[in-house]
């Protein structure tokens, strides 16, 4: 079970980073890069279903699809592979712990990917001394602008 979890974590990191690479560095765009890489991984496991255990054969394509949503992020939001890899790890942890809860709900992979990206984007706020006051000040400015 530990090896299976490690393989899924590695799949999530690889899925997010390769999609980000094809999206940003090769300039293929977010949708095309996610779709192309997901097609390759899902097609491989469709053609060779007995290569790994049934648990991994079933979950690797799903984890890769969800982590490819992370790789669709703009380079203006997250511009390094470490942040993408951390978001991939967070996504896999969310997937492994809530996959039974979200059974039957649409959009669970995208929601989990969005949560993991938001967590990574929030890290700088928690590293600064004024982490919460900066957010509240920005929210206050936004509200006051709308009232005027």
Protein backbone atom coordinates (compact mmCIF):
# COMPACT_ATOMS: atom_id res chain seq x y z
CA UNK A 1 0.00 0.00 0.00
CA UNK A 2 2.89 2.37 0.73
CA UNK A 3 4.42 1.68 -2.68
CA UNK A 4 1.06 2.26 -4.35
CA UNK A 5 0.69 5.60 -2.56
CA UNK A 6 4.23 6.59 -3.54
CA UNK A 7 3.53 5.71 -7.19
CA UNK A 8 0.36 7.83 -7.15
CA UNK A 9 2.26 10.75 -5.56
CA UNK A 10 4.93 10.44 -8.23
CA UNK A 11 2.26 10.27 -10.94
CA UNK A 12 0.68 13.44 -9.59
CA UNK A 13 3.97 15.32 -9.57
CA UNK A 14 4.89 14.12 -13.07
CA UNK A 15 1.42 14.92 -14.41
CA UNK A 16 1.44 18.47 -13.07
CA UNK A 17 5.03 19.24 -14.09
CA UNK A 18 4.85 17.76 -17.59
CA UNK A 19 1.58 19.53 -18.35
CA UNK A 20 3.06 22.80 -17.09
CA UNK A 21 6.16 22.22 -19.25
CA UNK A 22 4.13 21.53 -22.40
CA UNK A 23 1.81 24.42 -21.58
CA UNK A 24 4.42 27.10 -20.79
CA UNK A 25 7.73 26.07 -22.32
CA UNK A 26 6.44 24.42 -25.50
CA UNK A 27 3.62 26.96 -25.87
CA UNK A 28 0.85 24.47 -26.59
CA UNK A 29 -1.70 26.11 -24.31
CA UNK A 30 -3.34 24.69 -21.20
CA UNK A 31 -6.16 22.68 -22.74
CA UNK A 32 -4.12 21.10 -25.51
CA UNK A 33 -1.27 20.13 -23.16
CA UNK A 34 -3.60 18.57 -20.61
CA UNK A 35 -5.60 16.71 -23.23
CA UNK A 36 -2.57 15.41 -25.12
CA UNK A 37 -0.75 14.07 -22.09
CA UNK A 38 -3.91 12.64 -20.55
CA UNK A 39 -4.69 10.87 -23.82
CA UNK A 40 -1.23 9.31 -23.84
CA UNK A 41 -1.42 8.07 -20.24
CA UNK A 42 -5.02 6.88 -20.40
CA UNK A 43 -4.41 5.21 -23.76
CA UNK A 44 -1.35 3.42 -22.42
CA UNK A 45 -3.26 1.98 -19.46
CA UNK A 46 -6.20 1.12 -21.69
CA UNK A 47 -3.97 -0.87 -24.03
CA UNK A 48 -1.95 -2.51 -21.26
CA UNK A 49 -4.37 -3.01 -18.33
CA UNK A 50 -2.51 -5.95 -16.79
CA UNK A 51 0.88 -4.23 -16.60
CA UNK A 52 0.34 -3.07 -13.01
CA UNK A 53 -2.08 -3.99 -10.23
CA UNK A 54 -5.78 -3.25 -10.87
CA UNK A 55 -5.73 -0.53 -8.19
CA UNK A 56 -2.90 1.33 -9.90
CA UNK A 57 -4.26 0.73 -13.40
CA UNK A 58 -7.53 2.30 -12.33
CA UNK A 59 -6.11 5.21 -10.30
CA UNK A 60 -3.03 6.33 -12.24
CA UNK A 61 -5.02 7.80 -15.18
CA UNK A 62 -7.43 9.54 -12.81
CA UNK A 63 -4.62 11.04 -10.72
CA UNK A 64 -2.81 12.09 -13.89
CA UNK A 65 -5.93 13.81 -15.25
CA UNK A 66 -6.46 15.71 -12.00
CA UNK A 67 -2.84 16.71 -11.71
CA UNK A 68 -2.80 17.85 -15.32
CA UNK A 69 -5.38 20.45 -14.26
CA UNK A 70 -2.68 21.85 -11.98
CA UNK A 71 -0.29 22.12 -14.92
CA UNK A 72 -2.83 24.27 -16.74
CA UNK A 73 -2.07 27.18 -14.39
CA UNK A 74 -0.68 30.35 -15.91
CA UNK A 75 3.03 31.10 -15.58
CA UNK A 76 2.03 34.47 -14.12
CA UNK A 77 0.48 32.74 -11.12
CA UNK A 78 3.03 30.01 -10.39
CA UNK A 79 6.30 30.36 -12.24
CA UNK A 80 8.45 27.54 -10.85
CA UNK A 81 8.36 23.79 -10.91
CA UNK A 82 8.70 23.49 -7.14
CA UNK A 83 5.34 25.18 -6.64
CA UNK A 84 3.77 22.96 -9.29
CA UNK A 85 5.25 19.85 -7.65
CA UNK A 86 4.00 20.89 -4.20
CA UNK A 87 0.53 21.49 -5.67
CA UNK A 88 0.73 18.01 -7.21
CA UNK A 89 1.54 16.47 -3.84
CA UNK A 90 -1.30 18.36 -2.18
CA UNK A 91 -3.68 17.23 -4.93
CA UNK A 92 -2.70 13.59 -4.45
CA UNK A 93 -3.17 13.81 -0.69
CA UNK A 94 -6.62 15.31 -1.22
CA UNK A 95 -7.45 12.64 -3.80
CA UNK A 96 -6.33 9.77 -1.60
CA UNK A 97 -8.23 11.01 1.45
CA UNK A 98 -11.49 12.14 -0.17
CA UNK A 99 -11.93 9.88 -3.18
CA UNK A 100 -14.70 7.90 -1.46
CA UNK A 101 -16.43 11.08 -0.29
CA UNK A 102 -16.58 12.58 -3.80
CA UNK A 103 -17.76 9.35 -5.44
CA UNK A 104 -20.45 10.24 -7.95
CA UNK A 105 -19.89 14.00 -7.84
CA UNK A 106 -18.78 15.75 -10.99
CA UNK A 107 -15.89 18.18 -10.85
CA UNK A 108 -14.10 16.61 -7.90
CA UNK A 109 -10.75 16.45 -9.72
CA UNK A 110 -10.92 20.06 -10.84
CA UNK A 111 -12.01 21.23 -7.42
CA UNK A 112 -9.18 19.32 -5.74
CA UNK A 113 -6.69 20.76 -8.24
CA UNK A 114 -8.01 24.28 -7.59
CA UNK A 115 -7.70 23.81 -3.83
CA UNK A 116 -4.12 22.59 -4.18
CA UNK A 117 -3.17 25.57 -6.36
CA UNK A 118 -4.79 27.99 -3.92
CA UNK A 119 -2.83 26.43 -1.05
CA UNK A 120 0.43 26.95 -2.94
CA UNK A 121 -0.53 30.52 -3.81
CA UNK A 122 -1.29 31.21 -0.13
CA UNK A 123 2.15 30.07 1.10
CA UNK A 124 3.82 33.50 0.65
CA UNK A 125 1.14 35.15 2.79
CA UNK A 126 1.89 32.80 5.67
CA UNK A 127 5.64 33.33 5.35
CA UNK A 128 5.41 37.10 5.77
CA UNK A 129 4.91 38.80 9.14
CA UNK A 130 1.85 40.69 7.90
CA UNK A 131 0.27 37.65 6.28
CA UNK A 132 -3.36 38.13 7.26
CA UNK A 133 -3.37 41.90 7.42
CA UNK A 134 -2.19 42.11 3.80
CA UNK A 135 -5.15 40.03 2.67
CA UNK A 136 -7.60 42.02 4.74
CA UNK A 137 -6.18 45.29 3.42
CA UNK A 138 -6.57 44.12 -0.16
CA UNK A 139 -10.13 43.01 0.51
CA UNK A 140 -10.91 46.34 2.18
CA UNK A 141 -9.52 48.29 -0.80
CA UNK A 142 -11.61 46.20 -3.15
CA UNK A 143 -14.80 46.78 -1.15
CA UNK A 144 -14.16 50.52 -0.80
CA UNK A 145 -13.51 50.85 -4.55
CA UNK A 146 -16.89 49.36 -5.35
CA UNK A 147 -18.73 51.69 -2.98
CA UNK A 148 -17.34 54.79 -4.69
